[in-house]
Amino acid sequence: MSKAERGTKRVCSDCGEKYFDLNHDPIVCPLCEAVFVPPVVKTKPATRRGPSSWYKN
């Protein structure tokens, strides 16, 4: 099995077992069968800055 087929290495939040997700959806721990829920990442909107002459050094 090549590395691409293994998917991403995960750690189960319930039992602590390390495993590869095998690119499955949903991601399930092979030991305790807990479903992995990926965390929601919040991003900040990009801020627009003016010319550097507006800021004092």
C-alpha atoms as a PDB file:
ATOM      1  CA  MET A   1       0.000   0.000   0.000  1.00  0.00           C
ATOM      2  CA  SER A   2       1.504   3.323  -1.020  1.00  0.00           C
ATOM      3  CA  LYS A   3       1.582   6.369   1.255  1.00  0.00           C
ATOM      4  CA  ALA A   4      -1.111   8.137  -0.784  1.00  0.00           C
ATOM      5  CA  GLU A   5      -3.510   5.222  -0.245  1.00  0.00           C
ATOM      6  CA  ARG A   6      -3.060   5.352   3.529  1.00  0.00           C
ATOM      7  CA  GLY A   7      -4.526   8.834   3.793  1.00  0.00           C
ATOM      8  CA  THR A   8      -3.835  11.042   6.798  1.00  0.00           C
ATOM      9  CA  LYS A   9      -2.454   9.802  10.108  1.00  0.00           C
ATOM     10  CA  ARG A  10      -4.946  10.462  12.905  1.00  0.00           C
ATOM     11  CA  VAL A  11      -5.150  10.055  16.673  1.00  0.00           C
ATOM     12  CA  CYS A  12      -8.488   8.970  18.119  1.00  0.00           C
ATOM     13  CA  SER A  13      -9.862  11.497  20.603  1.00  0.00           C
ATOM     14  CA  ASP A  14     -11.656   8.746  22.555  1.00  0.00           C
ATOM     15  CA  CYS A  15      -9.082   5.958  22.948  1.00  0.00           C
ATOM     16  CA  GLY A  16      -5.828   7.618  21.801  1.00  0.00           C
ATOM     17  CA  GLU A  17      -5.124   5.003  19.104  1.00  0.00           C
ATOM     18  CA  LYS A  18      -3.000   6.158  16.149  1.00  0.00           C
ATOM     19  CA  TYR A  19      -4.293   5.113  12.733  1.00  0.00           C
ATOM     20  CA  PHE A  20      -4.487   6.104   9.069  1.00  0.00           C
ATOM     21  CA  ASP A  21      -7.892   7.207   7.784  1.00  0.00           C
ATOM     22  CA  LEU A  22      -7.453   5.399   4.413  1.00  0.00           C
ATOM     23  CA  ASN A  23      -9.226   8.357   2.750  1.00  0.00           C
ATOM     24  CA  HIS A  24     -12.587   7.085   4.041  1.00  0.00           C
ATOM     25  CA  ASP A  25     -15.564   9.312   4.737  1.00  0.00           C
ATOM     26  CA  PRO A  26     -16.635   9.306   7.530  1.00  0.00           C
ATOM     27  CA  ILE A  27     -13.360   8.707   9.346  1.00  0.00           C
ATOM     28  CA  VAL A  28     -13.829   5.925  11.916  1.00  0.00           C
ATOM     29  CA  CYS A  29     -11.335   4.666  14.510  1.00  0.00           C
ATOM     30  CA  PRO A  30     -10.588   0.979  13.815  1.00  0.00           C
ATOM     31  CA  LEU A  31     -10.234   0.189  17.535  1.00  0.00           C
ATOM     32  CA  CYS A  32     -13.210   1.860  19.251  1.00  0.00           C
ATOM     33  CA  GLU A  33     -15.218   2.811  16.136  1.00  0.00           C
ATOM     34  CA  ALA A  34     -15.532   6.463  17.191  1.00  0.00           C
ATOM     35  CA  VAL A  35     -16.333   8.813  14.300  1.00  0.00           C
ATOM     36  CA  PHE A  36     -13.766  11.568  13.757  1.00  0.00           C
ATOM     37  CA  VAL A  37     -15.313  15.024  13.374  1.00  0.00           C
ATOM     38  CA  PRO A  38     -12.818  17.504  11.875  1.00  0.00           C
ATOM     39  CA  PRO A  39     -12.646  20.824  13.742  1.00  0.00           C
ATOM     40  CA  VAL A  40     -14.121  23.879  12.059  1.00  0.00           C
ATOM     41  CA  VAL A  41     -11.384  26.391  11.285  1.00  0.00           C
ATOM     42  CA  LYS A  42     -12.446  30.001  11.447  1.00  0.00           C
ATOM     43  CA  THR A  43     -10.405  32.404   9.377  1.00  0.00           C
ATOM     44  CA  LYS A  44     -10.258  36.139   9.711  1.00  0.00           C
ATOM     45  CA  PRO A  45     -11.010  38.215   6.659  1.00  0.00           C
ATOM     46  CA  ALA A  46      -7.984  39.857   5.137  1.00  0.00           C
ATOM     47  CA  THR A  47      -7.524  43.410   6.295  1.00  0.00           C
ATOM     48  CA  ARG A  48      -6.571  46.086   3.892  1.00  0.00           C
ATOM     49  CA  ARG A  49      -3.761  48.349   4.977  1.00  0.00           C
ATOM     50  CA  GLY A  50      -2.947  51.721   3.566  1.00  0.00           C
ATOM     51  CA  PRO A  51       0.429  52.973   2.340  1.00  0.00           C
ATOM     52  CA  SER A  52       3.323  52.650   4.753  1.00  0.00           C
ATOM     53  CA  SER A  53       3.539  56.463   4.933  1.00  0.00           C
ATOM     54  CA  TRP A  54       0.351  56.408   7.046  1.00  0.00           C
ATOM     55  CA  TYR A  55       2.132  54.617   9.849  1.00  0.00           C
ATOM     56  CA  LYS A  56       4.753  56.102  12.134  1.00  0.00           C
ATOM     57  CA  ASN A  57       7.917  54.126  12.646  1.00  0.00           C
END
